[in-house]
Amino acid sequence: MNNQSNRPGDWIEEKVKQYEDKLFRTALAVVGNNADAEDVVQEVFVKLFQKQPNFESSNHETAWLIKVTVNLCKNYLRAHWWKKSVPLLDTHHAPEAEQHSTMQAVLALPSKYRVVIHLYYYEGYSTKEISEIIAQKESTVRQHLTRARRKLKDFLEGESI
């Protein structure tokens, strides 16, 4: 076990504190509501605790956790029983009207566009890193970013997504 303390709970608690916000934001960008995002993040930490992999670096660990999060979100969205129950904007209000409309536009995007927008703009990953995380070609990631930007621009200028 790659645990520095005597208690395994200390190790997982440290990882939860370190990554929960980042993973929650990522899951929220994909699934679109708090409850589902919390479920996905909890499942990610269960997988981490069960596997306890040895990572080459903290960047590798972060990338692994985000990849697992995105994959679990995709599985969650594919499940036949999944339905949106609480819109994100009802639970997380943007402080300014402009931010509210931008958030509304991002959430109106299809999931494949939301995830690349989130990873690129909010998490700061390059298109190459995103392609590795979501298991898509880098050209596909660039294409999704371009299409997402175009859809966001159209929406923010008054057209619908």
Protein backbone atom coordinates (compact mmCIF):
# COMPACT_ATOMS: atom_id res chain seq x y z
CA MET A 1 0.00 0.00 0.00
CA ASN A 2 1.43 3.40 -0.93
CA ASN A 3 0.22 4.80 2.36
CA GLN A 4 2.53 6.92 4.51
CA SER A 5 0.49 6.58 7.71
CA ASN A 6 -0.58 3.60 9.75
CA ARG A 7 -4.26 3.91 8.85
CA PRO A 8 -5.53 3.26 5.30
CA GLY A 9 -8.28 5.81 5.97
CA ASP A 10 -5.69 8.58 6.24
CA TRP A 11 -4.47 7.88 2.72
CA ILE A 12 -7.93 7.92 1.14
CA GLU A 13 -8.94 10.97 3.19
CA GLU A 14 -5.87 12.81 1.88
CA LYS A 15 -6.78 11.89 -1.72
CA VAL A 16 -10.40 12.95 -1.25
CA LYS A 17 -9.34 16.35 0.12
CA GLN A 18 -6.81 16.77 -2.68
CA TYR A 19 -9.05 15.84 -5.64
CA GLU A 20 -12.73 16.03 -4.72
CA ASP A 21 -13.35 19.57 -6.04
CA LYS A 22 -11.58 18.97 -9.36
CA LEU A 23 -13.35 15.65 -9.92
CA PHE A 24 -16.72 17.04 -8.89
CA ARG A 25 -16.41 19.96 -11.32
CA THR A 26 -15.42 17.55 -14.09
CA ALA A 27 -18.33 15.20 -13.36
CA LEU A 28 -20.73 18.13 -13.09
CA ALA A 29 -19.63 19.38 -16.50
CA VAL A 30 -20.48 15.99 -18.00
CA VAL A 31 -23.62 14.85 -16.18
CA GLY A 32 -25.12 18.28 -15.48
CA ASN A 33 -26.40 18.00 -11.91
CA ASN A 34 -25.04 17.80 -8.38
CA ALA A 35 -26.50 14.50 -7.25
CA ASP A 36 -25.24 12.53 -10.23
CA ALA A 37 -21.84 14.22 -10.10
CA GLU A 38 -21.52 13.34 -6.39
CA ASP A 39 -22.40 9.71 -7.15
CA VAL A 40 -19.77 9.52 -9.88
CA VAL A 41 -17.05 11.10 -7.71
CA GLN A 42 -17.83 8.71 -4.88
CA GLU A 43 -17.46 5.80 -7.28
CA VAL A 44 -14.11 7.19 -8.50
CA PHE A 45 -12.76 7.22 -4.95
CA VAL A 46 -14.02 3.69 -4.35
CA LYS A 47 -12.09 2.55 -7.44
CA LEU A 48 -8.99 4.42 -6.25
CA PHE A 49 -9.22 2.82 -2.82
CA GLN A 50 -9.76 -0.66 -4.26
CA LYS A 51 -6.92 -0.47 -6.79
CA GLN A 52 -4.48 1.81 -4.97
CA PRO A 53 -2.29 2.13 -8.07
CA ASN A 54 1.26 3.43 -7.94
CA PHE A 55 1.55 6.56 -10.04
CA GLU A 56 4.68 7.89 -11.70
CA SER A 57 3.85 11.47 -10.70
CA SER A 58 1.08 13.66 -9.36
CA ASN A 59 0.22 14.63 -12.96
CA HIS A 60 -0.22 10.95 -13.82
CA GLU A 61 -2.41 10.46 -10.75
CA THR A 62 -4.57 13.48 -11.65
CA ALA A 63 -4.92 12.34 -15.26
CA TRP A 64 -5.91 8.83 -14.14
CA LEU A 65 -8.56 10.17 -11.76
CA ILE A 66 -10.02 12.50 -14.39
CA LYS A 67 -10.06 9.73 -16.98
CA VAL A 68 -11.88 7.42 -14.57
CA THR A 69 -14.31 10.25 -13.77
CA VAL A 70 -15.07 10.93 -17.44
CA ASN A 71 -15.49 7.23 -18.20
CA LEU A 72 -17.85 6.72 -15.25
CA CYS A 73 -19.84 9.76 -16.36
CA LYS A 74 -20.17 8.29 -19.85
CA ASN A 75 -21.37 5.01 -18.32
CA TYR A 76 -23.78 6.93 -16.13
CA LEU A 77 -25.23 8.81 -19.08
CA ARG A 78 -25.61 5.59 -21.07
CA ALA A 79 -27.59 3.91 -18.32
CA HIS A 80 -31.22 3.50 -19.36
CA TRP A 81 -32.58 4.83 -16.06
CA TRP A 82 -30.61 8.08 -16.06
CA LYS A 83 -32.66 11.23 -16.22
CA LYS A 84 -31.80 14.81 -15.34
CA SER A 85 -33.64 15.67 -12.20
CA VAL A 86 -32.29 19.06 -11.09
CA PRO A 87 -30.89 21.56 -13.57
CA LEU A 88 -27.44 22.80 -12.60
CA LEU A 89 -28.46 26.43 -12.82
CA ASP A 90 -31.11 25.86 -10.14
CA THR A 91 -28.48 24.71 -7.65
CA HIS A 92 -25.39 26.77 -8.64
CA HIS A 93 -26.27 30.32 -9.48
CA ALA A 94 -23.74 32.35 -11.42
CA PRO A 95 -22.99 35.65 -9.66
CA GLU A 96 -23.35 37.81 -12.77
CA ALA A 97 -25.88 37.74 -15.58
CA GLU A 98 -23.16 37.28 -18.21
CA GLN A 99 -21.71 34.29 -16.35
CA HIS A 100 -25.22 32.87 -15.98
CA SER A 101 -25.84 32.96 -19.73
CA THR A 102 -22.40 31.49 -20.43
CA MET A 103 -22.99 28.67 -17.95
CA GLN A 104 -26.43 28.09 -19.44
CA ALA A 105 -24.88 27.90 -22.92
CA VAL A 106 -22.18 25.43 -21.81
CA LEU A 107 -24.76 23.22 -20.11
CA ALA A 108 -26.90 23.23 -23.25
CA LEU A 109 -24.05 21.67 -25.23
CA PRO A 110 -24.02 17.93 -25.86
CA SER A 111 -21.92 16.01 -23.33
CA LYS A 112 -19.04 15.37 -25.76
CA TYR A 113 -18.60 19.14 -26.15
CA ARG A 114 -19.14 20.00 -22.46
CA VAL A 115 -16.36 17.67 -21.34
CA VAL A 116 -13.73 19.09 -23.71
CA ILE A 117 -14.74 22.67 -22.86
CA HIS A 118 -14.45 21.89 -19.15
CA LEU A 119 -11.11 20.11 -19.40
CA TYR A 120 -9.61 22.72 -21.71
CA TYR A 121 -10.83 25.97 -20.13
CA TYR A 122 -11.48 25.08 -16.49
CA GLU A 123 -8.88 22.39 -15.81
CA GLY A 124 -6.22 23.77 -18.18
CA TYR A 125 -5.42 20.60 -20.11
CA SER A 126 -3.97 20.71 -23.62
CA THR A 127 -5.78 19.03 -26.50
CA LYS A 128 -3.17 16.26 -26.43
CA GLU A 129 -3.77 15.62 -22.72
CA ILE A 130 -7.55 15.71 -23.22
CA SER A 131 -7.27 13.18 -26.04
CA GLU A 132 -5.45 10.81 -23.68
CA ILE A 133 -7.96 11.35 -20.88
CA ILE A 134 -11.09 10.75 -22.96
CA ALA A 135 -9.51 8.19 -25.31
CA GLN A 136 -10.16 10.17 -28.50
CA LYS A 137 -7.83 11.29 -31.25
CA GLU A 138 -6.31 14.71 -30.72
CA SER A 139 -7.89 15.88 -33.99
CA THR A 140 -11.29 14.82 -32.65
CA VAL A 141 -10.73 16.84 -29.48
CA ARG A 142 -9.75 19.91 -31.53
CA GLN A 143 -12.82 19.41 -33.71
CA HIS A 144 -15.08 19.15 -30.65
CA LEU A 145 -13.54 22.32 -29.21
CA THR A 146 -14.08 24.18 -32.49
CA ARG A 147 -17.69 23.03 -32.77
CA ALA A 148 -18.38 23.78 -29.11
CA ARG A 149 -16.94 27.29 -29.45
CA ARG A 150 -19.07 27.88 -32.55
CA LYS A 151 -22.20 26.65 -30.77
CA LEU A 152 -21.42 28.80 -27.73
CA LYS A 153 -20.84 31.86 -29.91
CA ASP A 154 -24.14 31.31 -31.73
CA PHE A 155 -25.99 30.81 -28.46
CA LEU A 156 -24.48 33.88 -26.82
CA GLU A 157 -25.27 35.98 -29.89
CA GLY A 158 -28.92 34.97 -29.67
CA GLU A 159 -29.24 31.78 -31.67
CA SER A 160 -30.11 28.48 -30.01
CA ILE A 161 -27.77 25.52 -29.58
